[in-house]
């Protein structure tokens, strides 16, 4: 079970079970695949159009920014993935691992959790905060993932802000 606490000011300790680490690692691997593709519909959410009313300006902006933004997003996801595989903290529960999130790693975690949620939101058809998106039985695992990632993100933000 996910547990996030404040260690020091600006530092969060994120405790994830082995299942949660494995699950999140799988999502991160899929996110990297999406970012490295060139035709996934989720890319429209991850790399939004800066000029929706001007196709020429939008194309020019994307030409100069998409590669760098994609590289940063991939690097952030890979850094979070490495943190999931880091050493065990002896104070953690038997199958849990505590990951310290602070400074640049906090930015990487929060950005990557946002990217994961945007990708899942795209799959569910969620367009705004008030939108539930798909709620059919087949969508339930995605819905649960979306909410779990949101809870994790909120717990990290609160721990970092306290």
N, C-alpha and C. Protein backbone atom coordinates (compact mmCIF):
# COMPACT_ATOMS: atom_id res chain seq x y z
N UNK A 1 0.84 -1.18 0.00
CA UNK A 1 0.00 0.00 0.00
C UNK A 1 0.88 1.24 0.00
N UNK A 2 0.55 2.16 -0.85
CA UNK A 2 1.32 3.38 -1.01
C UNK A 2 1.29 4.21 0.26
N UNK A 3 2.44 4.71 0.64
CA UNK A 3 2.53 5.60 1.79
C UNK A 3 3.56 6.66 1.46
N UNK A 4 3.21 7.92 1.62
CA UNK A 4 4.13 9.01 1.37
C UNK A 4 4.18 9.86 2.63
N UNK A 5 5.40 10.17 3.07
CA UNK A 5 5.56 11.01 4.25
C UNK A 5 6.66 12.03 3.99
N UNK A 6 6.67 13.03 4.81
CA UNK A 6 7.69 14.07 4.70
C UNK A 6 8.90 13.64 5.53
N UNK A 7 10.06 13.67 4.93
CA UNK A 7 11.29 13.36 5.65
C UNK A 7 11.87 14.64 6.24
N UNK A 8 12.18 15.56 5.39
CA UNK A 8 12.67 16.89 5.74
C UNK A 8 11.93 17.87 4.84
N UNK A 9 12.13 19.15 5.09
CA UNK A 9 11.47 20.15 4.24
C UNK A 9 11.90 19.92 2.78
N UNK A 10 10.92 19.79 1.91
CA UNK A 10 11.20 19.60 0.50
C UNK A 10 11.61 18.18 0.13
N UNK A 11 11.41 17.24 1.05
CA UNK A 11 11.78 15.85 0.80
C UNK A 11 10.61 14.94 1.17
N UNK A 12 10.25 14.07 0.26
CA UNK A 12 9.17 13.11 0.52
C UNK A 12 9.77 11.71 0.46
N UNK A 13 9.29 10.85 1.35
CA UNK A 13 9.64 9.43 1.32
C UNK A 13 8.43 8.69 0.79
N UNK A 14 8.61 8.03 -0.34
CA UNK A 14 7.52 7.32 -1.00
C UNK A 14 7.74 5.83 -0.78
N UNK A 15 6.81 5.20 -0.08
CA UNK A 15 6.91 3.77 0.17
C UNK A 15 5.92 3.04 -0.72
N UNK A 16 6.46 2.17 -1.57
CA UNK A 16 5.64 1.41 -2.51
C UNK A 16 5.89 -0.08 -2.30
N UNK A 17 4.82 -0.85 -2.36
CA UNK A 17 4.96 -2.30 -2.27
C UNK A 17 5.63 -2.81 -3.53
N UNK A 18 6.06 -4.05 -3.50
CA UNK A 18 6.68 -4.63 -4.69
C UNK A 18 5.69 -4.66 -5.86
N UNK A 19 4.41 -4.93 -5.58
CA UNK A 19 3.41 -4.91 -6.65
C UNK A 19 3.27 -3.51 -7.23
N UNK A 20 3.21 -2.49 -6.37
CA UNK A 20 3.07 -1.12 -6.85
C UNK A 20 4.29 -0.69 -7.68
N UNK A 21 5.47 -1.09 -7.24
CA UNK A 21 6.68 -0.77 -8.01
C UNK A 21 6.63 -1.44 -9.39
N UNK A 22 6.25 -2.71 -9.41
CA UNK A 22 6.16 -3.45 -10.66
C UNK A 22 5.10 -2.83 -11.59
N UNK A 23 3.96 -2.48 -11.02
CA UNK A 23 2.87 -1.88 -11.78
C UNK A 23 3.30 -0.54 -12.37
N UNK A 24 3.89 0.32 -11.52
CA UNK A 24 4.34 1.63 -11.97
C UNK A 24 5.45 1.49 -13.00
N UNK A 25 6.35 0.54 -12.82
CA UNK A 25 7.42 0.32 -13.79
C UNK A 25 6.83 -0.04 -15.16
N UNK A 26 5.80 -0.88 -15.16
CA UNK A 26 5.14 -1.23 -16.42
C UNK A 26 4.51 -0.03 -17.10
N UNK A 27 3.87 0.82 -16.30
CA UNK A 27 3.29 2.05 -16.86
C UNK A 27 4.37 2.96 -17.43
N UNK A 28 5.49 3.05 -16.74
CA UNK A 28 6.59 3.90 -17.21
C UNK A 28 7.16 3.37 -18.53
N UNK A 29 7.31 2.06 -18.62
CA UNK A 29 7.80 1.47 -19.87
C UNK A 29 6.85 1.77 -21.02
N UNK A 30 5.54 1.69 -20.75
CA UNK A 30 4.56 1.99 -21.79
C UNK A 30 4.59 3.47 -22.17
N UNK A 31 4.80 4.35 -21.17
CA UNK A 31 4.88 5.78 -21.45
C UNK A 31 6.06 6.08 -22.38
N UNK A 32 7.19 5.47 -22.11
CA UNK A 32 8.36 5.68 -22.96
C UNK A 32 8.05 5.21 -24.39
N UNK A 33 7.37 4.08 -24.53
CA UNK A 33 6.98 3.60 -25.86
C UNK A 33 6.09 4.61 -26.57
N UNK A 34 5.12 5.17 -25.85
CA UNK A 34 4.23 6.17 -26.44
C UNK A 34 5.03 7.38 -26.89
N UNK A 35 5.93 7.86 -26.02
CA UNK A 35 6.72 9.04 -26.35
C UNK A 35 7.65 8.81 -27.54
N UNK A 36 8.10 7.59 -27.71
CA UNK A 36 9.01 7.29 -28.80
C UNK A 36 8.29 6.91 -30.10
N UNK A 37 6.97 6.82 -30.03
CA UNK A 37 6.20 6.54 -31.24
C UNK A 37 5.94 7.87 -31.94
N UNK A 38 5.41 7.80 -33.13
CA UNK A 38 5.08 9.05 -33.81
C UNK A 38 3.61 9.13 -34.21
N UNK A 39 2.83 8.15 -33.74
CA UNK A 39 1.43 8.15 -34.19
C UNK A 39 0.43 7.86 -33.07
N UNK A 40 0.87 7.78 -31.83
CA UNK A 40 -0.06 7.49 -30.75
C UNK A 40 -0.92 8.73 -30.47
N UNK A 41 -2.23 8.56 -30.38
CA UNK A 41 -3.11 9.71 -30.12
C UNK A 41 -2.81 10.43 -28.80
N UNK A 42 -2.21 9.75 -27.86
CA UNK A 42 -1.88 10.38 -26.57
C UNK A 42 -0.82 11.46 -26.73
N UNK A 43 -0.06 11.42 -27.81
CA UNK A 43 0.96 12.44 -28.03
C UNK A 43 0.35 13.83 -28.14
N UNK A 44 -0.89 13.91 -28.60
CA UNK A 44 -1.57 15.21 -28.68
C UNK A 44 -1.75 15.82 -27.29
N UNK A 45 -1.88 14.98 -26.26
CA UNK A 45 -2.00 15.47 -24.88
C UNK A 45 -0.62 15.73 -24.26
N UNK A 46 0.34 14.89 -24.62
CA UNK A 46 1.68 15.02 -24.05
C UNK A 46 2.49 16.14 -24.69
N UNK A 47 2.22 16.40 -25.95
CA UNK A 47 2.91 17.45 -26.71
C UNK A 47 1.84 18.33 -27.36
N UNK A 48 1.13 19.12 -26.56
CA UNK A 48 -0.03 19.84 -27.08
C UNK A 48 0.34 20.91 -28.11
N UNK A 49 -0.64 21.26 -28.91
CA UNK A 49 -0.52 22.28 -29.94
C UNK A 49 -0.46 23.65 -29.29
N UNK A 50 0.62 24.37 -29.49
CA UNK A 50 0.78 25.69 -28.88
C UNK A 50 -0.06 26.76 -29.57
N UNK A 51 -0.42 26.52 -30.82
CA UNK A 51 -1.17 27.50 -31.61
C UNK A 51 -2.34 26.81 -32.31
N UNK A 52 -3.41 26.51 -31.58
CA UNK A 52 -4.51 25.75 -32.18
C UNK A 52 -5.21 26.46 -33.34
N UNK A 53 -5.10 27.78 -33.40
CA UNK A 53 -5.77 28.52 -34.46
C UNK A 53 -4.85 28.88 -35.63
N UNK A 54 -3.61 28.43 -35.57
CA UNK A 54 -2.65 28.78 -36.60
C UNK A 54 -1.79 27.55 -36.92
N UNK A 55 -2.19 26.81 -37.95
CA UNK A 55 -1.51 25.56 -38.30
C UNK A 55 -0.04 25.77 -38.63
N UNK A 56 0.27 26.85 -39.32
CA UNK A 56 1.65 27.11 -39.71
C UNK A 56 2.52 27.39 -38.48
N UNK A 57 2.06 28.24 -37.59
CA UNK A 57 2.81 28.55 -36.36
C UNK A 57 2.92 27.32 -35.47
N UNK A 58 1.87 26.52 -35.42
CA UNK A 58 1.89 25.29 -34.61
C UNK A 58 2.94 24.32 -35.14
N UNK A 59 3.00 24.16 -36.46
CA UNK A 59 3.99 23.26 -37.06
C UNK A 59 5.40 23.75 -36.80
N UNK A 60 5.60 25.04 -36.92
CA UNK A 60 6.92 25.63 -36.68
C UNK A 60 7.33 25.46 -35.21
N UNK A 61 6.41 25.71 -34.30
CA UNK A 61 6.69 25.55 -32.87
C UNK A 61 7.04 24.10 -32.56
N UNK A 62 6.26 23.17 -33.08
CA UNK A 62 6.50 21.75 -32.83
C UNK A 62 7.85 21.32 -33.41
N UNK A 63 8.19 21.85 -34.57
CA UNK A 63 9.47 21.49 -35.20
C UNK A 63 10.65 21.85 -34.29
N UNK A 64 10.55 22.97 -33.58
CA UNK A 64 11.65 23.42 -32.74
C UNK A 64 11.60 22.89 -31.31
N UNK A 65 10.45 22.41 -30.86
CA UNK A 65 10.34 22.03 -29.44
C UNK A 65 10.04 20.56 -29.18
N UNK A 66 9.43 19.86 -30.10
CA UNK A 66 8.93 18.51 -29.83
C UNK A 66 10.05 17.54 -29.44
N UNK A 67 11.15 17.57 -30.15
CA UNK A 67 12.24 16.61 -29.87
C UNK A 67 12.80 16.82 -28.46
N UNK A 68 13.06 18.06 -28.11
CA UNK A 68 13.62 18.35 -26.78
C UNK A 68 12.64 18.01 -25.67
N UNK A 69 11.39 18.34 -25.86
CA UNK A 69 10.38 18.03 -24.85
C UNK A 69 10.21 16.52 -24.70
N UNK A 70 10.19 15.83 -25.82
CA UNK A 70 10.08 14.37 -25.77
C UNK A 70 11.28 13.75 -25.05
N UNK A 71 12.48 14.23 -25.35
CA UNK A 71 13.69 13.72 -24.69
C UNK A 71 13.61 13.93 -23.18
N UNK A 72 13.16 15.10 -22.74
CA UNK A 72 13.02 15.38 -21.30
C UNK A 72 12.00 14.46 -20.66
N UNK A 73 10.89 14.25 -21.33
CA UNK A 73 9.85 13.38 -20.78
C UNK A 73 10.35 11.94 -20.67
N UNK A 74 11.06 11.47 -21.68
CA UNK A 74 11.62 10.11 -21.64
C UNK A 74 12.66 10.02 -20.53
N UNK A 75 13.54 11.00 -20.42
CA UNK A 75 14.56 11.00 -19.37
C UNK A 75 13.93 11.01 -17.98
N UNK A 76 12.88 11.79 -17.80
CA UNK A 76 12.18 11.82 -16.51
C UNK A 76 11.58 10.46 -16.18
N UNK A 77 10.91 9.85 -17.15
CA UNK A 77 10.30 8.53 -16.93
C UNK A 77 11.37 7.49 -16.61
N UNK A 78 12.49 7.56 -17.30
CA UNK A 78 13.57 6.60 -17.04
C UNK A 78 14.20 6.83 -15.67
N UNK A 79 14.29 8.08 -15.22
CA UNK A 79 14.84 8.37 -13.89
C UNK A 79 13.92 7.82 -12.80
N UNK A 80 12.62 7.96 -12.99
CA UNK A 80 11.67 7.40 -12.02
C UNK A 80 11.78 5.88 -12.04
N UNK A 81 11.93 5.31 -13.22
CA UNK A 81 12.08 3.85 -13.35
C UNK A 81 13.31 3.36 -12.60
N UNK A 82 14.43 4.08 -12.71
CA UNK A 82 15.65 3.72 -11.98
C UNK A 82 15.42 3.82 -10.48
N UNK A 83 14.71 4.86 -10.05
CA UNK A 83 14.43 5.02 -8.61
C UNK A 83 13.61 3.85 -8.08
N UNK A 84 12.71 3.32 -8.88
CA UNK A 84 11.90 2.17 -8.46
C UNK A 84 12.78 0.95 -8.22
N UNK A 85 13.88 0.86 -8.93
CA UNK A 85 14.78 -0.29 -8.83
C UNK A 85 15.91 -0.06 -7.83
N UNK A 86 15.87 1.09 -7.12
CA UNK A 86 16.96 1.41 -6.19
C UNK A 86 16.94 0.49 -4.97
N UNK A 87 17.96 0.61 -4.14
CA UNK A 87 18.14 -0.27 -2.99
C UNK A 87 17.02 -0.19 -1.97
N UNK A 88 16.87 -1.26 -1.24
CA UNK A 88 15.86 -1.34 -0.19
C UNK A 88 16.27 -0.53 1.02
N UNK A 89 15.31 0.10 1.65
CA UNK A 89 15.53 0.79 2.92
C UNK A 89 15.19 -0.20 4.02
N UNK A 90 16.11 -0.47 4.94
CA UNK A 90 15.85 -1.46 5.98
C UNK A 90 14.66 -1.10 6.87
N UNK A 91 14.28 0.17 6.92
CA UNK A 91 13.15 0.59 7.75
C UNK A 91 11.81 0.30 7.09
N UNK A 92 11.83 -0.03 5.81
CA UNK A 92 10.58 -0.28 5.08
C UNK A 92 10.02 -1.65 5.43
N UNK A 93 8.74 -1.83 5.16
CA UNK A 93 8.11 -3.13 5.35
C UNK A 93 8.80 -4.16 4.46
N UNK A 94 8.59 -5.43 4.74
CA UNK A 94 9.32 -6.51 4.08
C UNK A 94 9.33 -6.40 2.56
N UNK A 95 8.17 -6.17 1.94
CA UNK A 95 8.17 -6.13 0.47
C UNK A 95 8.11 -4.71 -0.07
N UNK A 96 8.22 -3.72 0.81
CA UNK A 96 8.11 -2.33 0.38
C UNK A 96 9.50 -1.72 0.19
N UNK A 97 9.53 -0.68 -0.59
CA UNK A 97 10.77 0.04 -0.83
C UNK A 97 10.47 1.53 -0.64
N UNK A 98 11.32 2.20 0.10
CA UNK A 98 11.17 3.64 0.31
C UNK A 98 12.07 4.36 -0.68
N UNK A 99 11.49 5.28 -1.39
CA UNK A 99 12.21 6.07 -2.39
C UNK A 99 12.16 7.52 -1.94
N UNK A 100 13.33 8.14 -1.84
CA UNK A 100 13.40 9.54 -1.42
C UNK A 100 13.23 10.41 -2.66
N UNK A 101 12.29 11.33 -2.55
CA UNK A 101 11.96 12.23 -3.66
C UNK A 101 12.21 13.65 -3.19
N UNK A 102 13.14 14.32 -3.84
CA UNK A 102 13.46 15.70 -3.46
C UNK A 102 14.11 16.43 -4.63
N UNK A 103 14.08 17.75 -4.60
CA UNK A 103 14.75 18.54 -5.62
C UNK A 103 14.37 18.14 -7.04
N UNK A 104 15.39 17.89 -7.86
CA UNK A 104 15.16 17.55 -9.27
C UNK A 104 14.37 16.26 -9.41
N UNK A 105 14.60 15.29 -8.52
CA UNK A 105 13.84 14.04 -8.63
C UNK A 105 12.36 14.27 -8.38
N UNK A 106 12.03 15.24 -7.51
CA UNK A 106 10.62 15.56 -7.27
C UNK A 106 9.99 16.10 -8.55
N UNK A 107 10.70 16.96 -9.26
CA UNK A 107 10.20 17.48 -10.53
C UNK A 107 10.00 16.35 -11.52
N UNK A 108 10.95 15.42 -11.57
CA UNK A 108 10.84 14.29 -12.48
C UNK A 108 9.62 13.43 -12.14
N UNK A 109 9.45 13.13 -10.86
CA UNK A 109 8.31 12.31 -10.44
C UNK A 109 7.00 12.99 -10.77
N UNK A 110 6.85 14.25 -10.39
CA UNK A 110 5.56 14.93 -10.59
C UNK A 110 5.26 15.11 -12.08
N UNK A 111 6.27 15.45 -12.85
CA UNK A 111 6.07 15.59 -14.30
C UNK A 111 5.68 14.25 -14.93
N UNK A 112 6.36 13.18 -14.54
CA UNK A 112 6.09 11.87 -15.11
C UNK A 112 4.72 11.36 -14.69
N UNK A 113 4.33 11.58 -13.44
CA UNK A 113 2.99 11.17 -13.02
C UNK A 113 1.93 11.93 -13.81
N UNK A 114 2.17 13.20 -14.10
CA UNK A 114 1.25 13.97 -14.94
C UNK A 114 1.19 13.36 -16.34
N UNK A 115 2.34 13.02 -16.90
CA UNK A 115 2.36 12.43 -18.25
C UNK A 115 1.61 11.10 -18.28
N UNK A 116 1.78 10.29 -17.24
CA UNK A 116 1.06 9.02 -17.17
C UNK A 116 -0.45 9.26 -17.11
N UNK A 117 -0.86 10.22 -16.29
CA UNK A 117 -2.29 10.51 -16.16
C UNK A 117 -2.86 11.08 -17.46
N UNK A 118 -2.10 11.92 -18.15
CA UNK A 118 -2.57 12.46 -19.42
C UNK A 118 -2.74 11.36 -20.46
N UNK A 119 -1.82 10.41 -20.46
CA UNK A 119 -1.90 9.30 -21.41
C UNK A 119 -3.13 8.44 -21.12
N UNK A 120 -3.34 8.14 -19.84
CA UNK A 120 -4.52 7.33 -19.47
C UNK A 120 -5.80 8.11 -19.73
N UNK A 121 -5.78 9.41 -19.43
CA UNK A 121 -6.96 10.25 -19.69
C UNK A 121 -7.32 10.20 -21.17
N UNK A 122 -6.31 10.22 -22.02
CA UNK A 122 -6.56 10.11 -23.46
C UNK A 122 -7.25 8.80 -23.79
N UNK A 123 -6.78 7.70 -23.20
CA UNK A 123 -7.36 6.38 -23.46
C UNK A 123 -8.81 6.30 -22.95
N UNK A 124 -9.09 7.02 -21.86
CA UNK A 124 -10.43 6.98 -21.27
C UNK A 124 -11.38 8.02 -21.85
N UNK A 125 -10.85 8.95 -22.64
CA UNK A 125 -11.69 10.00 -23.19
C UNK A 125 -11.97 11.11 -22.18
N UNK A 126 -11.11 11.28 -21.20
CA UNK A 126 -11.27 12.34 -20.20
C UNK A 126 -10.69 13.62 -20.80
N UNK A 127 -11.53 14.65 -20.88
CA UNK A 127 -11.11 15.92 -21.47
C UNK A 127 -10.92 17.03 -20.43
N UNK A 128 -11.58 16.92 -19.28
CA UNK A 128 -11.48 17.96 -18.25
C UNK A 128 -11.59 17.31 -16.88
N UNK A 129 -11.35 18.10 -15.83
CA UNK A 129 -11.40 17.58 -14.46
C UNK A 129 -12.78 17.03 -14.10
N UNK A 130 -13.82 17.58 -14.70
CA UNK A 130 -15.19 17.17 -14.38
C UNK A 130 -15.63 15.93 -15.17
N UNK A 131 -14.84 15.51 -16.12
CA UNK A 131 -15.19 14.42 -17.02
C UNK A 131 -14.75 13.09 -16.42
N UNK A 132 -15.63 12.11 -16.45
CA UNK A 132 -15.29 10.77 -15.97
C UNK A 132 -14.68 9.91 -17.06
N UNK A 133 -14.97 10.23 -18.30
CA UNK A 133 -14.49 9.40 -19.39
C UNK A 133 -15.24 8.08 -19.42
N UNK A 134 -14.64 7.09 -20.03
CA UNK A 134 -15.27 5.77 -20.13
C UNK A 134 -15.41 5.16 -18.73
N UNK A 135 -16.56 4.55 -18.50
CA UNK A 135 -16.79 3.89 -17.21
C UNK A 135 -17.24 2.45 -17.39
N UNK A 136 -17.09 1.93 -18.61
CA UNK A 136 -17.48 0.54 -18.87
C UNK A 136 -16.53 -0.41 -18.12
N UNK A 137 -16.94 -1.64 -18.00
CA UNK A 137 -16.16 -2.64 -17.24
C UNK A 137 -14.74 -2.76 -17.78
N UNK A 138 -14.57 -2.72 -19.09
CA UNK A 138 -13.24 -2.85 -19.68
C UNK A 138 -12.33 -1.67 -19.31
N UNK A 139 -12.93 -0.52 -19.02
CA UNK A 139 -12.15 0.68 -18.69
C UNK A 139 -11.79 0.76 -17.21
N UNK A 140 -12.36 -0.09 -16.39
CA UNK A 140 -12.14 0.01 -14.94
C UNK A 140 -10.67 -0.06 -14.53
N UNK A 141 -9.86 -0.96 -15.10
CA UNK A 141 -8.45 -0.96 -14.70
C UNK A 141 -7.75 0.37 -15.02
N UNK A 142 -8.09 0.96 -16.17
CA UNK A 142 -7.52 2.26 -16.51
C UNK A 142 -8.00 3.34 -15.56
N UNK A 143 -9.31 3.31 -15.23
CA UNK A 143 -9.87 4.28 -14.28
C UNK A 143 -9.14 4.18 -12.94
N UNK A 144 -8.97 2.96 -12.43
CA UNK A 144 -8.30 2.76 -11.15
C UNK A 144 -6.85 3.24 -11.21
N UNK A 145 -6.18 2.98 -12.32
CA UNK A 145 -4.80 3.44 -12.50
C UNK A 145 -4.74 4.96 -12.49
N UNK A 146 -5.67 5.58 -13.19
CA UNK A 146 -5.74 7.03 -13.27
C UNK A 146 -5.90 7.65 -11.88
N UNK A 147 -6.82 7.10 -11.09
CA UNK A 147 -7.05 7.64 -9.74
C UNK A 147 -5.89 7.33 -8.80
N UNK A 148 -5.29 6.14 -8.91
CA UNK A 148 -4.15 5.80 -8.05
C UNK A 148 -2.98 6.74 -8.33
N UNK A 149 -2.70 6.99 -9.60
CA UNK A 149 -1.62 7.91 -9.95
C UNK A 149 -1.90 9.32 -9.44
N UNK A 150 -3.16 9.74 -9.52
CA UNK A 150 -3.54 11.06 -8.99
C UNK A 150 -3.35 11.14 -7.48
N UNK A 151 -3.73 10.07 -6.78
CA UNK A 151 -3.55 10.03 -5.33
C UNK A 151 -2.06 10.08 -4.97
N UNK A 152 -1.26 9.30 -5.68
CA UNK A 152 0.19 9.29 -5.44
C UNK A 152 0.77 10.67 -5.68
N UNK A 153 0.39 11.29 -6.76
CA UNK A 153 0.88 12.62 -7.08
C UNK A 153 0.49 13.63 -5.99
N UNK A 154 -0.75 13.57 -5.56
CA UNK A 154 -1.21 14.49 -4.51
C UNK A 154 -0.47 14.26 -3.20
N UNK A 155 -0.24 13.00 -2.83
CA UNK A 155 0.48 12.72 -1.59
C UNK A 155 1.91 13.25 -1.66
N UNK A 156 2.56 13.12 -2.82
CA UNK A 156 3.92 13.64 -2.96
C UNK A 156 3.92 15.15 -2.85
N UNK A 157 2.99 15.81 -3.52
CA UNK A 157 2.90 17.27 -3.47
C UNK A 157 2.69 17.74 -2.03
N UNK A 158 1.77 17.11 -1.33
CA UNK A 158 1.51 17.50 0.06
C UNK A 158 2.73 17.29 0.95
N UNK A 159 3.42 16.18 0.77
CA UNK A 159 4.60 15.91 1.58
C UNK A 159 5.71 16.93 1.29
N UNK A 160 5.85 17.30 0.04
CA UNK A 160 6.87 18.28 -0.33
C UNK A 160 6.53 19.68 0.15
N UNK A 161 5.23 20.00 0.22
CA UNK A 161 4.79 21.33 0.63
C UNK A 161 4.75 21.53 2.13
N UNK A 162 4.57 20.46 2.89
CA UNK A 162 4.46 20.59 4.35
C UNK A 162 5.71 21.17 4.97
